C-alpha cells in the first residue's frame, strides 16, 4: 500500500480504508505531489466524501443541478427556471468551465469569468461573447454555477465549493405606468386573456407565474375573492385579494363557459395555459407607444399606487406577495409627482404650525392686556387705612 510508479508521468495510489481497497492513478511525475494527493484523498474518504470527487467535471455537477431545478415550484415556473439555467450554461458557462474538473475550480477562475464577460474580447480559449454583460447577468450566471457546486457538496460529491465576490449591480428598475398609460394599454389589448393579465397585474401587482397558474376554481365570483395557493407563489405563502369592479367585470367573461379545473388565462383551448406571451406583449406595448414596458413594471406600478392611495405597507405587502420589507421598498418607487405632493404636504403642515403658534401668541398677548387694564382693588384694614393693592 502506498504510492507507486505506474508508468512515465503517472503514479498509482493504493490504500485500504474502513475495510475497502482504493486505487487511483495520478497524472504527475512528482512523487511528493502524489503523496499529498493520497493524504487528501484519505481525509475526504474519512469525511464520507465520494472517492471519485477528483474525477467529477463541472459539466457533470451542473447537469445534476438541471435535473433538480425548480422542484417544488408550479409547472410553468419549473420550466422557466430550467430554461434560464440551461441557457446560461449553453451560452457562456460551458465555454469557460465545461472542460474543467470541479475540484480544480477556484475563486480566481470565477473572478476571471467576471473579467471575461466585462471585457467583451477573446480570451485564451478563443471564445467570444456577443456583447458586454451587465453586472446583474454575470452575478446570475455565477449564482447558478454556485448552486451546482453547493448541491454537489450537499450530496458529498465534492468537499467544498469555491467562493467569489458578487459585482455591484445598478439600482432597481424604475419602469412604471400611470393611469393614462394603463388605459391606453387596455384599449389596445384585444384578447381577453391579455386583458385579464393587465387588470390583475396592475391592480394587485401579481407575478407573471402566479397569474398563469390560476385555475377557475380559485375565482369566487359570488364573494368576489381571488385565492392564490401557497404552491403557486414565490414565497410559498398563499394569499387572497378582493376584486375591484374593473377586475370583476373582466373576470366575468374570463370564467364564462369554463370548468373549475380549466386555466383562467388561456387562449382558444381552456385546458392549455398561456406559458409564453412575450410576442403578444411586445405587440401590445408597441401599439400603445410603450415599447420599453415590461410586464413586471405593472407590479411596480401597483405597489406605488397602493402606497399613494393610503394603503398600509403591511396590507400592500400581503396583496403583492412580498415577504420582506427590504425587497418591498425596492418596488415602492417614488416618482417626481409624489415628491411634489410630499413638498406640498410639508408646506401645508408648516403653515398649520405657524397658525397654531400665531394663535397662541395672540391669546397670550390678549391675556396680558386684560391684566394690565384691569381695575385695581384696594383693601383697607379695620381702621380704614390702605393695606394692599391687588389687581
Protein backbone atom coordinates (compact mmCIF):
# COMPACT_ATOMS: atom_id res chain seq x y z
CA UNK A 1 0.00 0.00 0.00
CA UNK A 2 1.24 3.48 -0.78
CA UNK A 3 2.42 5.46 -3.84
CA UNK A 4 3.95 3.53 -6.76
CA UNK A 5 5.27 4.48 -10.17
CA UNK A 6 2.76 3.18 -12.71
CA UNK A 7 4.29 4.42 -15.95
CA UNK A 8 6.06 7.50 -17.22
CA UNK A 9 4.29 10.61 -15.94
CA UNK A 10 1.87 8.85 -13.59
CA UNK A 11 1.78 7.45 -10.07
CA UNK A 12 -0.56 4.82 -8.67
CA UNK A 13 -2.06 5.32 -5.21
CA UNK A 14 -3.21 2.25 -3.30
CA UNK A 15 -4.51 2.03 0.27
CA UNK A 16 -7.17 0.36 2.42
CA UNK A 17 -9.62 2.46 4.43
CA UNK A 18 -12.53 1.11 6.54
CA UNK A 19 -12.04 -2.34 5.03
CA UNK A 20 -12.23 -1.11 1.42
CA UNK A 21 -9.39 -1.03 -1.08
CA UNK A 22 -8.89 2.19 -3.10
CA UNK A 23 -6.75 2.61 -6.21
CA UNK A 24 -6.26 5.71 -8.33
CA UNK A 25 -3.79 6.96 -10.90
CA UNK A 26 -2.42 10.50 -10.57
CA UNK A 27 -1.12 12.31 -13.65
CA UNK A 28 2.10 13.80 -12.30
CA UNK A 29 5.80 12.99 -12.38
CA UNK A 30 6.36 14.35 -8.86
CA UNK A 31 6.15 11.75 -6.10
CA UNK A 32 5.64 14.36 -3.35
CA UNK A 33 2.52 15.62 -5.16
CA UNK A 34 1.16 12.08 -5.46
CA UNK A 35 1.77 11.51 -1.74
CA UNK A 36 0.00 14.79 -0.94
CA UNK A 37 -2.94 13.72 -3.08
CA UNK A 38 -3.03 10.38 -1.24
CA UNK A 39 -3.27 12.19 2.13
CA UNK A 40 -6.02 14.50 0.84
CA UNK A 41 -7.93 11.58 -0.62
CA UNK A 42 -7.87 9.67 2.68
CA UNK A 43 -9.20 12.70 4.54
CA UNK A 44 -12.01 13.12 2.05
CA UNK A 45 -13.00 9.48 2.26
CA UNK A 46 -12.90 9.63 6.04
CA UNK A 47 -15.37 12.50 5.83
CA UNK A 48 -17.72 10.40 3.63
CA UNK A 49 -16.95 12.44 0.51
CA UNK A 50 -17.25 10.50 -2.74
CA UNK A 51 -13.98 8.78 -3.59
CA UNK A 52 -14.33 9.89 -7.21
CA UNK A 53 -14.52 13.58 -6.25
CA UNK A 54 -11.35 14.37 -8.24
CA UNK A 55 -12.92 12.96 -11.39
CA UNK A 56 -16.18 14.94 -11.40
CA UNK A 57 -16.33 17.66 -14.03
CA UNK A 58 -18.17 20.95 -13.78
CA UNK A 59 -20.39 19.73 -16.61
CA UNK A 60 -21.45 16.74 -14.51
CA UNK A 61 -22.36 18.71 -11.40
CA UNK A 62 -24.20 21.31 -13.48
CA UNK A 63 -26.18 18.53 -15.15
CA UNK A 64 -27.18 17.33 -11.69
CA UNK A 65 -28.35 20.89 -10.94
CA UNK A 66 -30.50 20.99 -14.08
CA UNK A 67 -32.21 17.73 -13.09
CA UNK A 68 -33.17 19.15 -9.71
CA UNK A 69 -34.03 22.67 -10.89
CA UNK A 70 -37.39 24.14 -9.93
CA UNK A 71 -38.64 21.17 -7.89
CA UNK A 72 -41.50 22.25 -5.64
CA UNK A 73 -42.49 25.12 -7.94
CA UNK A 74 -45.53 25.30 -10.26
CA UNK A 75 -45.02 23.63 -13.63
CA UNK A 76 -44.67 26.90 -15.55
CA UNK A 77 -42.13 28.26 -13.04
CA UNK A 78 -40.15 24.99 -13.17
CA UNK A 79 -39.94 25.32 -16.94
CA UNK A 80 -38.85 28.95 -16.80
CA UNK A 81 -36.18 28.23 -14.15
CA UNK A 82 -34.83 25.24 -16.06
CA UNK A 83 -34.72 27.12 -19.36
CA UNK A 84 -32.87 30.03 -17.78
CA UNK A 85 -30.26 27.78 -16.15
CA UNK A 86 -29.79 25.81 -19.38
CA UNK A 87 -29.31 29.00 -21.42
CA UNK A 88 -26.67 30.31 -19.00
CA UNK A 89 -24.73 27.08 -19.39
CA UNK A 90 -25.05 26.82 -23.16
CA UNK A 91 -24.27 30.46 -23.92
CA UNK A 92 -21.40 31.20 -21.55
CA UNK A 93 -20.63 28.93 -18.60
CA UNK A 94 -19.86 25.87 -20.72
CA UNK A 95 -17.26 27.78 -22.72
CA UNK A 96 -15.27 28.62 -19.60
CA UNK A 97 -15.89 25.69 -17.25
CA UNK A 98 -17.21 22.76 -19.30
CA UNK A 99 -13.75 21.22 -19.72
CA UNK A 100 -12.65 21.66 -16.08
CA UNK A 101 -12.66 19.28 -13.14
CA UNK A 102 -14.92 20.56 -10.37
CA UNK A 103 -12.16 20.22 -7.76
CA UNK A 104 -9.84 22.41 -9.86
CA UNK A 105 -12.18 25.42 -9.96
CA UNK A 106 -11.15 28.20 -7.58
CA UNK A 107 -12.37 31.68 -6.78
CA UNK A 108 -9.73 33.02 -9.18
CA UNK A 109 -11.41 31.19 -12.06
CA UNK A 110 -14.76 32.73 -11.16
CA UNK A 111 -13.29 36.22 -10.94
CA UNK A 112 -11.60 35.63 -14.31
CA UNK A 113 -15.04 34.79 -15.69
CA UNK A 114 -16.32 38.15 -14.42
CA UNK A 115 -13.48 39.93 -16.21
CA UNK A 116 -14.07 37.94 -19.40
CA UNK A 117 -17.74 38.89 -19.53
CA UNK A 118 -16.96 42.55 -18.93
CA UNK A 119 -14.05 42.84 -21.37
CA UNK A 120 -16.01 41.66 -24.42
CA UNK A 121 -12.92 40.29 -26.11
CA UNK A 122 -11.36 36.96 -26.99
CA UNK A 123 -9.74 35.01 -24.20
CA UNK A 124 -7.18 32.22 -24.07
CA UNK A 125 -9.81 29.67 -25.20
CA UNK A 126 -10.54 31.79 -28.29
CA UNK A 127 -14.17 32.06 -27.30
CA UNK A 128 -16.06 35.30 -27.60
CA UNK A 129 -19.26 36.63 -26.11
CA UNK A 130 -21.69 38.65 -28.15
CA UNK A 131 -21.62 41.79 -26.01
CA UNK A 132 -20.51 43.12 -22.66
CA UNK A 133 -22.82 41.70 -19.99
CA UNK A 134 -24.37 43.64 -17.14
CA UNK A 135 -23.24 43.02 -13.57
CA UNK A 136 -26.66 41.53 -12.80
CA UNK A 137 -26.38 38.97 -15.61
CA UNK A 138 -22.86 37.96 -14.57
CA UNK A 139 -23.99 37.56 -10.96
CA UNK A 140 -26.91 35.35 -12.04
CA UNK A 141 -24.55 33.19 -14.11
CA UNK A 142 -22.21 32.59 -11.20
CA UNK A 143 -25.11 32.12 -8.79
CA UNK A 144 -26.38 29.28 -10.96
CA UNK A 145 -22.90 27.76 -11.07
CA UNK A 146 -22.59 28.26 -7.31
CA UNK A 147 -25.85 26.36 -6.73
CA UNK A 148 -24.43 23.48 -8.76
CA UNK A 149 -21.36 23.38 -6.52
CA UNK A 150 -23.40 23.66 -3.32
CA UNK A 151 -25.64 20.80 -4.43
CA UNK A 152 -22.57 18.68 -5.14
CA UNK A 153 -21.22 19.48 -1.66
CA UNK A 154 -24.56 18.53 -0.06
CA UNK A 155 -24.51 15.20 -1.92
CA UNK A 156 -20.91 14.59 -0.78
CA UNK A 157 -19.66 14.56 -4.36
CA UNK A 158 -17.02 17.21 -3.64
CA UNK A 159 -15.73 18.53 -0.30
CA UNK A 160 -16.17 22.28 -0.82
CA UNK A 161 -17.31 24.99 -3.21
CA UNK A 162 -15.28 27.98 -4.47
CA UNK A 163 -16.05 31.47 -3.17
CA UNK A 164 -16.25 34.71 -5.12
CA UNK A 165 -17.46 38.26 -4.57
CA UNK A 166 -20.51 39.46 -6.46
CA UNK A 167 -20.28 42.51 -8.68
CA UNK A 168 -22.08 45.68 -7.63
CA UNK A 169 -25.35 45.97 -9.51
CA UNK A 170 -27.20 49.09 -10.54
CA UNK A 171 -30.29 50.21 -8.63
CA UNK A 172 -33.73 48.68 -9.19
CA UNK A 173 -35.50 49.33 -12.46
CA UNK A 174 -37.80 52.35 -12.29
CA UNK A 175 -40.26 51.50 -15.03
CA UNK A 176 -43.93 52.03 -14.20
CA UNK A 177 -47.16 53.19 -15.81
CA UNK A 178 -49.70 55.79 -14.75
CA UNK A 179 -53.48 55.61 -15.12
CA UNK A 180 -53.48 57.21 -18.56
CA UNK A 181 -50.86 54.81 -19.89
CA UNK A 182 -52.66 51.85 -18.35
CA UNK A 183 -55.88 52.92 -20.05
CA UNK A 184 -54.01 53.07 -23.34
CA UNK A 185 -52.77 49.51 -22.84
CA UNK A 186 -56.30 48.31 -22.10
CA UNK A 187 -57.62 49.90 -25.31
CA UNK A 188 -55.03 48.03 -27.38
CA UNK A 189 -55.47 44.67 -25.58
CA UNK A 190 -57.89 42.92 -27.94
CA UNK A 191 -57.53 39.42 -26.45
CA UNK A 192 -59.49 38.64 -23.28
CA UNK A 193 -56.63 36.67 -21.66
CA UNK A 194 -54.29 39.62 -22.15
CA UNK A 195 -56.89 41.95 -20.68
CA UNK A 196 -57.06 39.71 -17.58
CA UNK A 197 -53.27 39.82 -17.20
CA UNK A 198 -53.31 43.61 -17.37
CA UNK A 199 -56.10 44.02 -14.82
CA UNK A 200 -54.65 41.63 -12.23
CA UNK A 201 -51.05 42.76 -12.73
CA UNK A 202 -51.81 46.47 -12.47
CA UNK A 203 -54.34 46.19 -9.62
CA UNK A 204 -52.62 43.76 -7.25
CA UNK A 205 -49.03 43.52 -8.51
CA UNK A 206 -49.28 39.75 -9.04
CA UNK A 207 -46.31 37.97 -10.53
CA UNK A 208 -46.47 36.54 -14.02
CA UNK A 209 -46.12 32.92 -12.85
CA UNK A 210 -48.83 33.32 -10.22
CA UNK A 211 -51.34 34.58 -12.77
CA UNK A 212 -50.59 31.97 -15.44
CA UNK A 213 -51.10 29.17 -12.90
CA UNK A 214 -54.56 30.32 -11.75
CA UNK A 215 -57.48 27.92 -12.25
CA UNK A 216 -61.14 28.85 -12.48
CA UNK A 217 -61.96 27.25 -9.10
CA UNK A 218 -59.73 29.85 -7.45
CA UNK A 219 -62.02 32.63 -8.65
CA UNK A 220 -65.04 33.10 -6.34
CA UNK A 221 -67.38 35.33 -8.33
CA UNK A 222 -70.05 35.30 -5.59
CA UNK A 223 -67.81 36.63 -2.83
CA UNK A 224 -65.58 38.41 -5.38
CA UNK A 225 -62.41 36.83 -3.98
CA UNK A 226 -59.30 35.60 -5.82
CA UNK A 227 -57.30 32.91 -3.98
CA UNK A 228 -53.66 32.17 -4.85
CA UNK A 229 -52.40 28.89 -3.41
CA UNK A 230 -49.12 28.57 -1.50
CA UNK A 231 -47.56 26.29 -4.13
CA UNK A 232 -48.24 28.93 -6.79
CA UNK A 233 -46.35 31.75 -5.07
CA UNK A 234 -42.68 32.60 -4.99
CA UNK A 235 -42.53 32.93 -1.20
CA UNK A 236 -44.54 29.75 -0.52
CA UNK A 237 -47.41 31.59 1.19
CA UNK A 238 -50.96 31.69 -0.18
CA UNK A 239 -52.96 34.91 -0.23
CA UNK A 240 -56.32 36.35 -1.26
CA UNK A 241 -57.47 39.51 -2.96
CA UNK A 242 -60.91 41.09 -3.21
CA UNK A 243 -61.97 42.08 -6.71
CA UNK A 244 -62.33 45.69 -7.71
CA UNK A 245 -65.19 46.47 -10.05
CA UNK A 246 -62.86 46.55 -13.04
CA UNK A 247 -61.36 43.17 -12.15
CA UNK A 248 -64.83 41.68 -11.56
CA UNK A 249 -66.09 42.91 -14.93
CA UNK A 250 -63.23 41.31 -16.85
CA UNK A 251 -63.24 38.04 -14.85
CA UNK A 252 -66.95 37.51 -15.51
CA UNK A 253 -66.07 36.98 -19.16
CA UNK A 254 -62.83 35.09 -18.43
CA UNK A 255 -64.57 32.30 -16.43
CA UNK A 256 -67.63 32.03 -18.66
CA UNK A 257 -68.00 28.55 -20.20
CA UNK A 258 -65.01 27.08 -18.36
CA UNK A 259 -64.84 24.21 -15.90
CA UNK A 260 -63.38 24.52 -12.38
CA UNK A 261 -60.04 22.95 -13.36
CA UNK A 262 -59.59 24.98 -16.53
CA UNK A 263 -56.91 27.64 -16.58
CA UNK A 264 -58.20 31.16 -16.00
CA UNK A 265 -55.79 32.62 -18.53
CA UNK A 266 -55.92 30.63 -21.73
CA UNK A 267 -56.26 31.15 -25.44
CA UNK A 268 -58.74 29.15 -27.54
CA UNK A 269 -58.31 25.88 -25.62
CA UNK A 270 -59.27 26.43 -21.98
CA UNK A 271 -57.35 23.33 -20.85
CA UNK A 272 -54.00 24.67 -22.08
CA UNK A 273 -52.38 27.54 -20.15
CA UNK A 274 -50.60 30.52 -21.64
CA UNK A 275 -46.94 29.76 -20.95
CA UNK A 276 -45.21 32.41 -23.05
CA UNK A 277 -46.78 35.71 -24.07
CA UNK A 278 -43.65 37.70 -24.94
CA UNK A 279 -44.68 38.14 -28.57
CA UNK A 280 -48.19 39.31 -27.68
CA UNK A 281 -46.77 41.61 -25.00
CA UNK A 282 -44.30 43.23 -27.40
CA UNK A 283 -47.07 43.77 -29.94
CA UNK A 284 -49.32 45.34 -27.31
CA UNK A 285 -46.64 47.67 -25.94
CA UNK A 286 -45.58 48.82 -29.41
CA UNK A 287 -49.20 49.53 -30.35
CA UNK A 288 -49.66 51.52 -27.12
CA UNK A 289 -46.50 53.53 -27.75
CA UNK A 290 -44.58 51.99 -24.82
CA UNK A 291 -42.01 49.60 -26.34
CA UNK A 292 -39.86 49.89 -23.20
CA UNK A 293 -42.51 48.43 -20.88
CA UNK A 294 -42.01 45.10 -19.13
CA UNK A 295 -44.85 43.10 -17.62
CA UNK A 296 -43.03 43.30 -14.28
CA UNK A 297 -43.41 47.10 -14.45
CA UNK A 298 -47.11 46.59 -13.70
CA UNK A 299 -46.07 45.10 -10.36
CA UNK A 300 -44.01 48.17 -9.52
CA UNK A 301 -46.89 50.40 -10.57
CA UNK A 302 -49.40 48.52 -8.42
CA UNK A 303 -47.22 48.84 -5.32
CA UNK A 304 -46.62 52.53 -5.91
CA UNK A 305 -50.33 53.11 -6.42
CA UNK A 306 -51.28 51.25 -3.23
CA UNK A 307 -48.91 53.34 -1.15
CA UNK A 308 -50.09 56.58 -2.77
CA UNK A 309 -53.72 55.66 -2.12
CA UNK A 310 -53.08 55.32 1.60
CA UNK A 311 -52.99 51.52 1.89
CA UNK A 312 -50.76 50.47 4.78
CA UNK A 313 -47.43 48.86 3.96
CA UNK A 314 -48.36 45.59 5.71
CA UNK A 315 -51.57 45.21 3.68
CA UNK A 316 -49.81 46.18 0.44
CA UNK A 317 -47.16 43.51 1.10
CA UNK A 318 -49.87 40.88 1.56
CA UNK A 319 -51.59 41.86 -1.69
CA UNK A 320 -48.37 41.89 -3.70
CA UNK A 321 -46.91 38.77 -2.05
CA UNK A 322 -43.78 40.38 -0.62
CA UNK A 323 -42.25 38.69 2.40
CA UNK A 324 -39.56 41.19 3.39
CA UNK A 325 -39.73 44.96 3.76
CA UNK A 326 -36.34 45.44 2.09
CA UNK A 327 -37.48 43.88 -1.19
CA UNK A 328 -40.84 45.65 -1.00
CA UNK A 329 -39.11 49.02 -0.70
CA UNK A 330 -37.21 48.34 -3.93
CA UNK A 331 -40.58 48.23 -5.67
CA UNK A 332 -42.05 51.21 -3.81
CA UNK A 333 -40.65 53.68 -6.31
CA UNK A 334 -41.28 57.36 -5.62
CA UNK A 335 -41.76 59.49 -8.73
CA UNK A 336 -41.50 63.27 -9.09
CA UNK A 337 -45.24 63.86 -8.72
CA UNK A 338 -45.18 62.04 -5.38
CA UNK A 339 -42.23 64.15 -4.26
CA UNK A 340 -44.13 67.31 -5.26
CA UNK A 341 -47.13 66.12 -3.27
CA UNK A 342 -44.84 65.50 -0.29
CA UNK A 343 -43.45 69.03 -0.60
CA UNK A 344 -46.99 70.41 -0.70
CA UNK A 345 -47.91 68.48 2.44
CA UNK A 346 -44.77 69.73 4.20
CA UNK A 347 -45.69 73.27 3.23
CA UNK A 348 -49.28 72.82 4.42
CA UNK A 349 -48.09 71.29 7.68
CA UNK A 350 -45.68 74.16 8.30
CA UNK A 351 -48.48 76.65 7.60
CA UNK A 352 -50.73 74.90 10.13
CA UNK A 353 -47.93 75.02 12.70
CA UNK A 354 -47.44 78.74 12.08
CA UNK A 355 -51.16 79.33 12.54
CA UNK A 356 -51.14 77.47 15.85
CA UNK A 357 -48.14 79.48 17.06
CA UNK A 358 -49.76 82.74 15.95
CA UNK A 359 -52.99 81.91 17.77
CA UNK A 360 -51.11 81.04 20.96
CA UNK A 361 -49.19 84.33 20.79
CA UNK A 362 -52.42 86.28 20.25
CA UNK A 363 -54.08 84.62 23.26
CA UNK A 364 -51.04 85.33 25.41
CA UNK A 365 -50.99 88.98 24.38
CA UNK A 366 -54.72 89.32 25.00
CA UNK A 367 -54.34 87.78 28.44
CA UNK A 368 -51.53 90.18 29.34
CA UNK A 369 -53.53 93.22 28.20
CA UNK A 370 -56.55 92.14 30.23
CA UNK A 371 -54.40 92.07 33.35
CA UNK A 372 -52.76 95.40 32.52
CA UNK A 373 -56.01 97.35 32.25
CA UNK A 374 -58.00 95.55 34.96
CA UNK A 375 -59.32 97.82 37.82
CA UNK A 376 -57.17 97.83 40.97
CA UNK A 377 -58.78 96.63 44.19
CA UNK A 378 -57.70 98.44 47.40
CA UNK A 379 -58.05 96.61 50.64
CA UNK A 380 -58.38 98.54 53.94
CA UNK A 381 -57.75 97.43 57.44
CA UNK A 382 -60.24 97.83 60.24
CA UNK A 383 -59.10 101.40 60.94
CA UNK A 384 -59.76 102.46 57.37
CA UNK A 385 -56.11 102.52 56.34
CA UNK A 386 -54.83 101.17 52.96
CA UNK A 387 -53.38 97.72 53.45
CA UNK A 388 -52.52 96.35 49.96
CA UNK A 389 -53.31 96.72 46.29
CA UNK A 390 -54.48 93.70 44.30
CA UNK A 391 -55.03 93.60 40.53
